[in-house]
Amino acid sequence: AAGGLVWLLQGLNVAFAPKSFMTGDRTWVFIGAVTLVVG
């Protein structure tokens, strides 16, 4: 769930989320949300 939350926040381009290739990519919003719910 923690990993999914990080992916979700990176996809949403939240300021305090670590910067990576996932930053601002809406695909990671979906993947992160699903991972968070499964966790």
PDB file of all heavy atoms in Angstrom:
ATOM      1  N   ALA A   1       0.830  -1.208   0.000  1.00  0.00           N
ATOM      2  CA  ALA A   1       0.000   0.000   0.000  1.00  0.00           C
ATOM      3  C   ALA A   1       0.863   1.256   0.000  1.00  0.00           C
ATOM      4  O   ALA A   1       0.548   2.231  -0.694  1.00  0.00           O
ATOM      5  CB  ALA A   1      -0.937  -0.002   1.205  1.00  0.00           C
ATOM      6  N   ALA A   2       1.958   1.246   0.743  1.00  0.00           N
ATOM      7  CA  ALA A   2       2.854   2.410   0.770  1.00  0.00           C
ATOM      8  C   ALA A   2       3.476   2.645  -0.606  1.00  0.00           C
ATOM      9  O   ALA A   2       3.575   3.792  -1.068  1.00  0.00           O
ATOM     10  CB  ALA A   2       3.934   2.222   1.827  1.00  0.00           C
ATOM     11  N   GLY A   3       3.874   1.581  -1.260  1.00  0.00           N
ATOM     12  CA  GLY A   3       4.410   1.718  -2.620  1.00  0.00           C
ATOM     13  C   GLY A   3       3.377   2.266  -3.576  1.00  0.00           C
ATOM     14  O   GLY A   3       3.673   3.133  -4.408  1.00  0.00           O
ATOM     15  N   GLY A   4       2.156   1.774  -3.463  1.00  0.00           N
ATOM     16  CA  GLY A   4       1.075   2.281  -4.316  1.00  0.00           C
ATOM     17  C   GLY A   4       0.794   3.746  -4.070  1.00  0.00           C
ATOM     18  O   GLY A   4       0.525   4.506  -5.005  1.00  0.00           O
ATOM     19  N   LEU A   5       0.884   4.157  -2.807  1.00  0.00           N
ATOM     20  CA  LEU A   5       0.669   5.572  -2.486  1.00  0.00           C
ATOM     21  C   LEU A   5       1.753   6.451  -3.109  1.00  0.00           C
ATOM     22  O   LEU A   5       1.456   7.516  -3.661  1.00  0.00           O
ATOM     23  CB  LEU A   5       0.626   5.764  -0.975  1.00  0.00           C
ATOM     24  CG  LEU A   5       0.376   7.184  -0.483  1.00  0.00           C
ATOM     25  CD1 LEU A   5      -0.983   7.685  -0.963  1.00  0.00           C
ATOM     26  CD2 LEU A   5       0.482   7.249   1.033  1.00  0.00           C
ATOM     27  N   VAL A   6       2.996   6.001  -3.061  1.00  0.00           N
ATOM     28  CA  VAL A   6       4.093   6.764  -3.687  1.00  0.00           C
ATOM     29  C   VAL A   6       3.859   6.872  -5.190  1.00  0.00           C
ATOM     30  O   VAL A   6       4.002   7.952  -5.776  1.00  0.00           O
ATOM     31  CB  VAL A   6       5.459   6.110  -3.382  1.00  0.00           C
ATOM     32  CG1 VAL A   6       6.568   6.720  -4.224  1.00  0.00           C
ATOM     33  CG2 VAL A   6       5.794   6.249  -1.905  1.00  0.00           C
ATOM     34  N   TRP A   7       3.487   5.776  -5.823  1.00  0.00           N
ATOM     35  CA  TRP A   7       3.230   5.808  -7.267  1.00  0.00           C
ATOM     36  C   TRP A   7       2.067   6.728  -7.596  1.00  0.00           C
ATOM     37  O   TRP A   7       2.125   7.480  -8.570  1.00  0.00           O
ATOM     38  CB  TRP A   7       2.934   4.414  -7.792  1.00  0.00           C
ATOM     39  CG  TRP A   7       4.114   3.502  -7.769  1.00  0.00           C
ATOM     40  CD1 TRP A   7       5.421   3.840  -7.599  1.00  0.00           C
ATOM     41  CD2 TRP A   7       4.090   2.086  -7.912  1.00  0.00           C
ATOM     42  NE1 TRP A   7       6.206   2.721  -7.630  1.00  0.00           N
ATOM     43  CE2 TRP A   7       5.417   1.631  -7.819  1.00  0.00           C
ATOM     44  CE3 TRP A   7       3.082   1.157  -8.100  1.00  0.00           C
ATOM     45  CZ2 TRP A   7       5.749   0.286  -7.927  1.00  0.00           C
ATOM     46  CZ3 TRP A   7       3.410  -0.177  -8.204  1.00  0.00           C
ATOM     47  CH2 TRP A   7       4.738  -0.605  -8.128  1.00  0.00           C
ATOM     48  N   LEU A   8       1.033   6.681  -6.793  1.00  0.00           N
ATOM     49  CA  LEU A   8      -0.130   7.541  -6.996  1.00  0.00           C
ATOM     50  C   LEU A   8       0.269   9.011  -6.895  1.00  0.00           C
ATOM     51  O   LEU A   8      -0.092   9.830  -7.749  1.00  0.00           O
ATOM     52  CB  LEU A   8      -1.212   7.209  -5.974  1.00  0.00           C
ATOM     53  CG  LEU A   8      -2.470   8.064  -5.977  1.00  0.00           C
ATOM     54  CD1 LEU A   8      -3.271   7.804  -7.242  1.00  0.00           C
ATOM     55  CD2 LEU A   8      -3.316   7.771  -4.756  1.00  0.00           C
ATOM     56  N   LEU A   9       1.022   9.354  -5.862  1.00  0.00           N
ATOM     57  CA  LEU A   9       1.430  10.745  -5.675  1.00  0.00           C
ATOM     58  C   LEU A   9       2.375  11.211  -6.775  1.00  0.00           C
ATOM     59  O   LEU A   9       2.313  12.357  -7.214  1.00  0.00           O
ATOM     60  CB  LEU A   9       2.074  10.920  -4.299  1.00  0.00           C
ATOM     61  CG  LEU A   9       1.123  10.733  -3.112  1.00  0.00           C
ATOM     62  CD1 LEU A   9       1.891  10.818  -1.797  1.00  0.00           C
ATOM     63  CD2 LEU A   9       0.002  11.736  -3.149  1.00  0.00           C
ATOM     64  N   GLN A  10       3.259  10.331  -7.228  1.00  0.00           N
ATOM     65  CA  GLN A  10       4.144  10.711  -8.326  1.00  0.00           C
ATOM     66  C   GLN A  10       3.354  10.939  -9.605  1.00  0.00           C
ATOM     67  O   GLN A  10       3.630  11.870 -10.357  1.00  0.00           O
ATOM     68  CB  GLN A  10       5.211   9.641  -8.557  1.00  0.00           C
ATOM     69  CG  GLN A  10       6.302   9.679  -7.524  1.00  0.00           C
ATOM     70  CD  GLN A  10       7.360   8.631  -7.763  1.00  0.00           C
ATOM     71  OE1 GLN A  10       7.066   7.539  -8.228  1.00  0.00           O
ATOM     72  NE2 GLN A  10       8.590   8.953  -7.426  1.00  0.00           N
ATOM     73  N   GLY A  11       2.370  10.098  -9.861  1.00  0.00           N
ATOM     74  CA  GLY A  11       1.539  10.279 -11.045  1.00  0.00           C
ATOM     75  C   GLY A  11       0.748  11.565 -11.006  1.00  0.00           C
ATOM     76  O   GLY A  11       0.490  12.189 -12.031  1.00  0.00           O
ATOM     77  N   LEU A  12       0.355  11.985  -9.792  1.00  0.00           N
ATOM     78  CA  LEU A  12      -0.381  13.240  -9.636  1.00  0.00           C
ATOM     79  C   LEU A  12       0.540  14.456  -9.615  1.00  0.00           C
ATOM     80  O   LEU A  12       0.068  15.581  -9.526  1.00  0.00           O
ATOM     81  CB  LEU A  12      -1.197  13.207  -8.340  1.00  0.00           C
ATOM     82  CG  LEU A  12      -2.383  12.241  -8.334  1.00  0.00           C
ATOM     83  CD1 LEU A  12      -2.987  12.181  -6.939  1.00  0.00           C
ATOM     84  CD2 LEU A  12      -3.418  12.659  -9.352  1.00  0.00           C
ATOM     85  N   ASN A  13       1.843  14.225  -9.658  1.00  0.00           N
ATOM     86  CA  ASN A  13       2.852  15.292  -9.645  1.00  0.00           C
ATOM     87  C   ASN A  13       2.767  16.146  -8.377  1.00  0.00           C
ATOM     88  O   ASN A  13       2.860  17.375  -8.425  1.00  0.00           O
ATOM     89  CB  ASN A  13       2.723  16.163 -10.893  1.00  0.00           C
ATOM     90  CG  ASN A  13       3.992  16.955 -11.176  1.00  0.00           C
ATOM     91  OD1 ASN A  13       5.050  16.637 -10.665  1.00  0.00           O
ATOM     92  ND2 ASN A  13       3.864  17.989 -11.997  1.00  0.00           N
ATOM     93  N   VAL A  14       2.585  15.483  -7.240  1.00  0.00           N
ATOM     94  CA  VAL A  14       2.545  16.175  -5.955  1.00  0.00           C
ATOM     95  C   VAL A  14       3.950  16.675  -5.633  1.00  0.00           C
ATOM     96  O   VAL A  14       4.936  15.976  -5.869  1.00  0.00           O
ATOM     97  CB  VAL A  14       2.010  15.228  -4.854  1.00  0.00           C
ATOM     98  CG1 VAL A  14       2.050  15.882  -3.502  1.00  0.00           C
ATOM     99  CG2 VAL A  14       0.606  14.790  -5.195  1.00  0.00           C
ATOM    100  N   ALA A  15       4.038  17.864  -5.081  1.00  0.00           N
ATOM    101  CA  ALA A  15       5.331  18.531  -4.897  1.00  0.00           C
ATOM    102  C   ALA A  15       6.309  17.745  -4.022  1.00  0.00           C
ATOM    103  O   ALA A  15       7.507  17.738  -4.284  1.00  0.00           O
ATOM    104  CB  ALA A  15       5.115  19.918  -4.298  1.00  0.00           C
ATOM    105  N   PHE A  16       5.840  17.083  -2.971  1.00  0.00           N
ATOM    106  CA  PHE A  16       6.762  16.412  -2.067  1.00  0.00           C
ATOM    107  C   PHE A  16       7.071  14.965  -2.473  1.00  0.00           C
ATOM    108  O   PHE A  16       7.863  14.302  -1.818  1.00  0.00           O
ATOM    109  CB  PHE A  16       6.248  16.439  -0.621  1.00  0.00           C
ATOM    110  CG  PHE A  16       4.901  15.785  -0.444  1.00  0.00           C
ATOM    111  CD1 PHE A  16       4.792  14.434  -0.254  1.00  0.00           C
ATOM    112  CD2 PHE A  16       3.755  16.554  -0.458  1.00  0.00           C
ATOM    113  CE1 PHE A  16       3.554  13.827  -0.092  1.00  0.00           C
ATOM    114  CE2 PHE A  16       2.513  15.971  -0.283  1.00  0.00           C
ATOM    115  CZ  PHE A  16       2.418  14.603  -0.101  1.00  0.00           C
ATOM    116  N   ALA A  17       6.471  14.468  -3.544  1.00  0.00           N
ATOM    117  CA  ALA A  17       6.765  13.113  -4.012  1.00  0.00           C
ATOM    118  C   ALA A  17       8.139  13.106  -4.687  1.00  0.00           C
ATOM    119  O   ALA A  17       8.525  14.082  -5.330  1.00  0.00           O
ATOM    120  CB  ALA A  17       5.705  12.641  -4.991  1.00  0.00           C
ATOM    121  N   PRO A  18       8.887  12.016  -4.541  1.00  0.00           N
ATOM    122  CA  PRO A  18      10.196  11.939  -5.189  1.00  0.00           C
ATOM    123  C   PRO A  18      10.071  12.089  -6.704  1.00  0.00           C
ATOM    124  O   PRO A  18       9.128  11.588  -7.303  1.00  0.00           O
ATOM    125  CB  PRO A  18      10.699  10.537  -4.832  1.00  0.00           C
ATOM    126  CG  PRO A  18       9.856  10.076  -3.704  1.00  0.00           C
ATOM    127  CD  PRO A  18       8.570  10.814  -3.780  1.00  0.00           C
ATOM    128  N   LYS A  19      11.006  12.772  -7.326  1.00  0.00           N
ATOM    129  CA  LYS A  19      10.969  12.991  -8.772  1.00  0.00           C
ATOM    130  C   LYS A  19      11.536  11.769  -9.487  1.00  0.00           C
ATOM    131  O   LYS A  19      12.541  11.205  -9.079  1.00  0.00           O
ATOM    132  CB  LYS A  19      11.794  14.224  -9.158  1.00  0.00           C
ATOM    133  CG  LYS A  19      11.320  15.504  -8.507  1.00  0.00           C
ATOM    134  CD  LYS A  19       9.942  15.872  -8.972  1.00  0.00           C
ATOM    135  CE  LYS A  19       9.516  17.181  -8.328  1.00  0.00           C
ATOM    136  NZ  LYS A  19       8.105  17.356  -8.308  1.00  0.00           N
ATOM    137  N   SER A  20      10.857  11.353 -10.549  1.00  0.00           N
ATOM    138  CA  SER A  20      11.318  10.227 -11.349  1.00  0.00           C
ATOM    139  C   SER A  20      10.635  10.279 -12.705  1.00  0.00           C
ATOM    140  O   SER A  20       9.903  11.225 -13.005  1.00  0.00           O
ATOM    141  CB  SER A  20      11.014   8.903 -10.651  1.00  0.00           C
ATOM    142  OG  SER A  20       9.644   8.593 -10.761  1.00  0.00           O
ATOM    143  N   PHE A  21      10.838   9.242 -13.502  1.00  0.00           N
ATOM    144  CA  PHE A  21      10.192   9.179 -14.814  1.00  0.00           C
ATOM    145  C   PHE A  21       8.673   9.057 -14.691  1.00  0.00           C
ATOM    146  O   PHE A  21       7.953   9.289 -15.654  1.00  0.00           O
ATOM    147  CB  PHE A  21      10.751   8.001 -15.622  1.00  0.00           C
ATOM    148  CG  PHE A  21      10.411   6.650 -15.052  1.00  0.00           C
ATOM    149  CD1 PHE A  21       9.287   5.965 -15.483  1.00  0.00           C
ATOM    150  CD2 PHE A  21      11.211   6.074 -14.073  1.00  0.00           C
ATOM    151  CE1 PHE A  21       8.966   4.722 -14.951  1.00  0.00           C
ATOM    152  CE2 PHE A  21      10.904   4.838 -13.540  1.00  0.00           C
ATOM    153  CZ  PHE A  21       9.779   4.151 -13.980  1.00  0.00           C
ATOM    154  N   MET A  22       8.184   8.706 -13.505  1.00  0.00           N
ATOM    155  CA  MET A  22       6.744   8.542 -13.288  1.00  0.00           C
ATOM    156  C   MET A  22       6.047   9.868 -12.975  1.00  0.00           C
ATOM    157  O   MET A  22       4.826   9.947 -13.020  1.00  0.00           O
ATOM    158  CB  MET A  22       6.493   7.575 -12.131  1.00  0.00           C
ATOM    159  CG  MET A  22       6.985   6.178 -12.391  1.00  0.00           C
ATOM    160  SD  MET A  22       6.572   5.040 -11.068  1.00  0.00           S
ATOM    161  CE  MET A  22       7.808   5.443  -9.865  1.00  0.00           C
ATOM    162  N   THR A  23       6.809  10.897 -12.665  1.00  0.00           N
ATOM    163  CA  THR A  23       6.238  12.162 -12.231  1.00  0.00           C
ATOM    164  C   THR A  23       5.372  12.774 -13.325  1.00  0.00           C
ATOM    165  O   THR A  23       5.818  12.987 -14.447  1.00  0.00           O
ATOM    166  CB  THR A  23       7.361  13.146 -11.838  1.00  0.00           C
ATOM    167  OG1 THR A  23       8.156  12.539 -10.831  1.00  0.00           O
ATOM    168  CG2 THR A  23       6.798  14.447 -11.317  1.00  0.00           C
ATOM    169  N   GLY A  24       4.113  13.036 -12.985  1.00  0.00           N
ATOM    170  CA  GLY A  24       3.191  13.678 -13.906  1.00  0.00           C
ATOM    171  C   GLY A  24       2.589  12.751 -14.944  1.00  0.00           C
ATOM    172  O   GLY A  24       1.849  13.211 -15.812  1.00  0.00           O
ATOM    173  N   ASP A  25       2.854  11.453 -14.884  1.00  0.00           N
ATOM    174  CA  ASP A  25       2.320  10.498 -15.844  1.00  0.00           C
ATOM    175  C   ASP A  25       1.041   9.888 -15.277  1.00  0.00           C
ATOM    176  O   ASP A  25       1.061   9.205 -14.257  1.00  0.00           O
ATOM    177  CB  ASP A  25       3.367   9.412 -16.122  1.00  0.00           C
ATOM    178  CG  ASP A  25       2.977   8.469 -17.238  1.00  0.00           C
ATOM    179  OD1 ASP A  25       1.810   8.515 -17.688  1.00  0.00           O
ATOM    180  OD2 ASP A  25       3.837   7.676 -17.654  1.00  0.00           O
ATOM    181  N   ARG A  26      -0.082  10.125 -15.931  1.00  0.00           N
ATOM    182  CA  ARG A  26      -1.382   9.677 -15.419  1.00  0.00           C
ATOM    183  C   ARG A  26      -1.510   8.156 -15.362  1.00  0.00           C
ATOM    184  O   ARG A  26      -2.340   7.625 -14.642  1.00  0.00           O
ATOM    185  CB  ARG A  26      -2.516  10.247 -16.269  1.00  0.00           C
ATOM    186  CG  ARG A  26      -2.606  11.747 -16.199  1.00  0.00           C
ATOM    187  CD  ARG A  26      -3.007  12.168 -14.822  1.00  0.00           C
ATOM    188  NE  ARG A  26      -3.074  13.632 -14.768  1.00  0.00           N
ATOM    189  CZ  ARG A  26      -3.203  14.309 -13.676  1.00  0.00           C
ATOM    190  NH1 ARG A  26      -3.276  13.694 -12.533  1.00  0.00           N
ATOM    191  NH2 ARG A  26      -3.249  15.623 -13.697  1.00  0.00           N
ATOM    192  N   THR A  27      -0.692   7.431 -16.107  1.00  0.00           N
ATOM    193  CA  THR A  27      -0.714   5.970 -16.032  1.00  0.00           C
ATOM    194  C   THR A  27      -0.401   5.514 -14.616  1.00  0.00           C
ATOM    195  O   THR A  27      -1.001   4.564 -14.109  1.00  0.00           O
ATOM    196  CB  THR A  27       0.316   5.375 -17.018  1.00  0.00           C
ATOM    197  OG1 THR A  27       0.031   5.846 -18.326  1.00  0.00           O
ATOM    198  CG2 THR A  27       0.286   3.860 -16.994  1.00  0.00           C
ATOM    199  N   TRP A  28       0.525   6.204 -13.962  1.00  0.00           N
ATOM    200  CA  TRP A  28       0.935   5.819 -12.612  1.00  0.00           C
ATOM    201  C   TRP A  28      -0.113   6.176 -11.569  1.00  0.00           C
ATOM    202  O   TRP A  28      -0.104   5.613 -10.475  1.00  0.00           O
ATOM    203  CB  TRP A  28       2.298   6.411 -12.275  1.00  0.00           C
ATOM    204  CG  TRP A  28       3.347   5.740 -13.094  1.00  0.00           C
ATOM    205  CD1 TRP A  28       3.950   6.222 -14.208  1.00  0.00           C
ATOM    206  CD2 TRP A  28       3.857   4.417 -12.901  1.00  0.00           C
ATOM    207  NE1 TRP A  28       4.813   5.285 -14.716  1.00  0.00           N
ATOM    208  CE2 TRP A  28       4.781   4.170 -13.932  1.00  0.00           C
ATOM    209  CE3 TRP A  28       3.624   3.423 -11.952  1.00  0.00           C
ATOM    210  CZ2 TRP A  28       5.470   2.971 -14.034  1.00  0.00           C
ATOM    211  CZ3 TRP A  28       4.312   2.234 -12.063  1.00  0.00           C
ATOM    212  CH2 TRP A  28       5.222   2.009 -13.087  1.00  0.00           C
ATOM    213  N   VAL A  29      -1.015   7.081 -11.903  1.00  0.00           N
ATOM    214  CA  VAL A  29      -2.131   7.358 -10.995  1.00  0.00           C
ATOM    215  C   VAL A  29      -3.004   6.108 -10.898  1.00  0.00           C
ATOM    216  O   VAL A  29      -3.362   5.663  -9.801  1.00  0.00           O
ATOM    217  CB  VAL A  29      -2.967   8.566 -11.489  1.00  0.00           C
ATOM    218  CG1 VAL A  29      -4.215   8.740 -10.652  1.00  0.00           C
ATOM    219  CG2 VAL A  29      -2.128   9.833 -11.481  1.00  0.00           C
ATOM    220  N   PHE A  30      -3.328   5.516 -12.040  1.00  0.00           N
ATOM    221  CA  PHE A  30      -4.150   4.309 -12.058  1.00  0.00           C
ATOM    222  C   PHE A  30      -3.421   3.129 -11.407  1.00  0.00           C
ATOM    223  O   PHE A  30      -3.985   2.432 -10.555  1.00  0.00           O
ATOM    224  CB  PHE A  30      -4.541   3.962 -13.503  1.00  0.00           C
ATOM    225  CG  PHE A  30      -5.293   2.670 -13.615  1.00  0.00           C
ATOM    226  CD1 PHE A  30      -6.613   2.585 -13.214  1.00  0.00           C
ATOM    227  CD2 PHE A  30      -4.671   1.543 -14.104  1.00  0.00           C
ATOM    228  CE1 PHE A  30      -7.307   1.388 -13.302  1.00  0.00           C
ATOM    229  CE2 PHE A  30      -5.352   0.350 -14.195  1.00  0.00           C
ATOM    230  CZ  PHE A  30      -6.669   0.267 -13.796  1.00  0.00           C
ATOM    231  N   ILE A  31      -2.180   2.895 -11.813  1.00  0.00           N
ATOM    232  CA  ILE A  31      -1.411   1.774 -11.257  1.00  0.00           C
ATOM    233  C   ILE A  31      -1.245   1.943  -9.748  1.00  0.00           C
ATOM    234  O   ILE A  31      -1.388   0.983  -8.985  1.00  0.00           O
ATOM    235  CB  ILE A  31      -0.040   1.659 -11.957  1.00  0.00           C
ATOM    236  CG1 ILE A  31      -0.232   1.267 -13.424  1.00  0.00           C
ATOM    237  CG2 ILE A  31       0.859   0.654 -11.246  1.00  0.00           C
ATOM    238  CD1 ILE A  31       1.030   1.355 -14.261  1.00  0.00           C
ATOM    239  N   GLY A  32      -0.948   3.145  -9.300  1.00  0.00           N
ATOM    240  CA  GLY A  32      -0.778   3.403  -7.873  1.00  0.00           C
ATOM    241  C   GLY A  32      -2.063   3.205  -7.093  1.00  0.00           C
ATOM    242  O   GLY A  32      -2.053   2.637  -5.997  1.00  0.00           O
ATOM    243  N   ALA A  33      -3.185   3.646  -7.654  1.00  0.00           N
ATOM    244  CA  ALA A  33      -4.467   3.491  -6.966  1.00  0.00           C
ATOM    245  C   ALA A  33      -4.837   2.017  -6.824  1.00  0.00           C
ATOM    246  O   ALA A  33      -5.273   1.571  -5.752  1.00  0.00           O
ATOM    247  CB  ALA A  33      -5.559   4.242  -7.720  1.00  0.00           C
ATOM    248  N   VAL A  34      -4.641   1.245  -7.877  1.00  0.00           N
ATOM    249  CA  VAL A  34      -4.941  -0.191  -7.822  1.00  0.00           C
ATOM    250  C   VAL A  34      -4.026  -0.880  -6.814  1.00  0.00           C
ATOM    251  O   VAL A  34      -4.477  -1.691  -5.997  1.00  0.00           O
ATOM    252  CB  VAL A  34      -4.814  -0.832  -9.225  1.00  0.00           C
ATOM    253  CG1 VAL A  34      -4.871  -2.345  -9.148  1.00  0.00           C
ATOM    254  CG2 VAL A  34      -5.895  -0.293 -10.150  1.00  0.00           C
ATOM    255  N   THR A  35      -2.745  -0.554  -6.835  1.00  0.00           N
ATOM    256  CA  THR A  35      -1.788  -1.156  -5.907  1.00  0.00           C
ATOM    257  C   THR A  35      -2.120  -0.781  -4.465  1.00  0.00           C
ATOM    258  O   THR A  35      -2.029  -1.622  -3.563  1.00  0.00           O
ATOM    259  CB  THR A  35      -0.357  -0.716  -6.255  1.00  0.00           C
ATOM    260  OG1 THR A  35      -0.095  -1.026  -7.629  1.00  0.00           O
ATOM    261  CG2 THR A  35       0.669  -1.410  -5.386  1.00  0.00           C
ATOM    262  N   LEU A  36      -2.511   0.454  -4.242  1.00  0.00           N
ATOM    263  CA  LEU A  36      -2.894   0.902  -2.905  1.00  0.00           C
ATOM    264  C   LEU A  36      -4.091   0.108  -2.381  1.00  0.00           C
ATOM    265  O   LEU A  36      -4.082  -0.374  -1.242  1.00  0.00           O
ATOM    266  CB  LEU A  36      -3.207   2.399  -2.927  1.00  0.00           C
ATOM    267  CG  LEU A  36      -3.694   3.034  -1.628  1.00  0.00           C
ATOM    268  CD1 LEU A  36      -2.626   2.940  -0.550  1.00  0.00           C
ATOM    269  CD2 LEU A  36      -4.070   4.482  -1.871  1.00  0.00           C
ATOM    270  N   VAL A  37      -5.109  -0.060  -3.211  1.00  0.00           N
ATOM    271  CA  VAL A  37      -6.308  -0.804  -2.798  1.00  0.00           C
ATOM    272  C   VAL A  37      -5.979  -2.270  -2.535  1.00  0.00           C
ATOM    273  O   VAL A  37      -6.427  -2.850  -1.533  1.00  0.00           O
ATOM    274  CB  VAL A  37      -7.424  -0.656  -3.859  1.00  0.00           C
ATOM    275  CG1 VAL A  37      -8.567  -1.619  -3.595  1.00  0.00           C
ATOM    276  CG2 VAL A  37      -7.919   0.775  -3.911  1.00  0.00           C
ATOM    277  N   VAL A  38      -5.176  -2.874  -3.391  1.00  0.00           N
ATOM    278  CA  VAL A  38      -4.789  -4.281  -3.187  1.00  0.00           C
ATOM    279  C   VAL A  38      -3.988  -4.426  -1.895  1.00  0.00           C
ATOM    280  O   VAL A  38      -4.213  -5.353  -1.118  1.00  0.00           O
ATOM    281  CB  VAL A  38      -3.999  -4.806  -4.404  1.00  0.00           C
ATOM    282  CG1 VAL A  38      -3.359  -6.156  -4.111  1.00  0.00           C
ATOM    283  CG2 VAL A  38      -4.903  -4.910  -5.623  1.00  0.00           C
ATOM    284  N   GLY A  39      -3.057  -3.509  -1.652  1.00  0.00           N
ATOM    285  CA  GLY A  39      -2.272  -3.561  -0.425  1.00  0.00           C
ATOM    286  C   GLY A  39      -3.128  -3.424   0.818  1.00  0.00           C
ATOM    287  O   GLY A  39      -2.930  -4.131   1.815  1.00  0.00           O
TER     288      GLY A  39
END
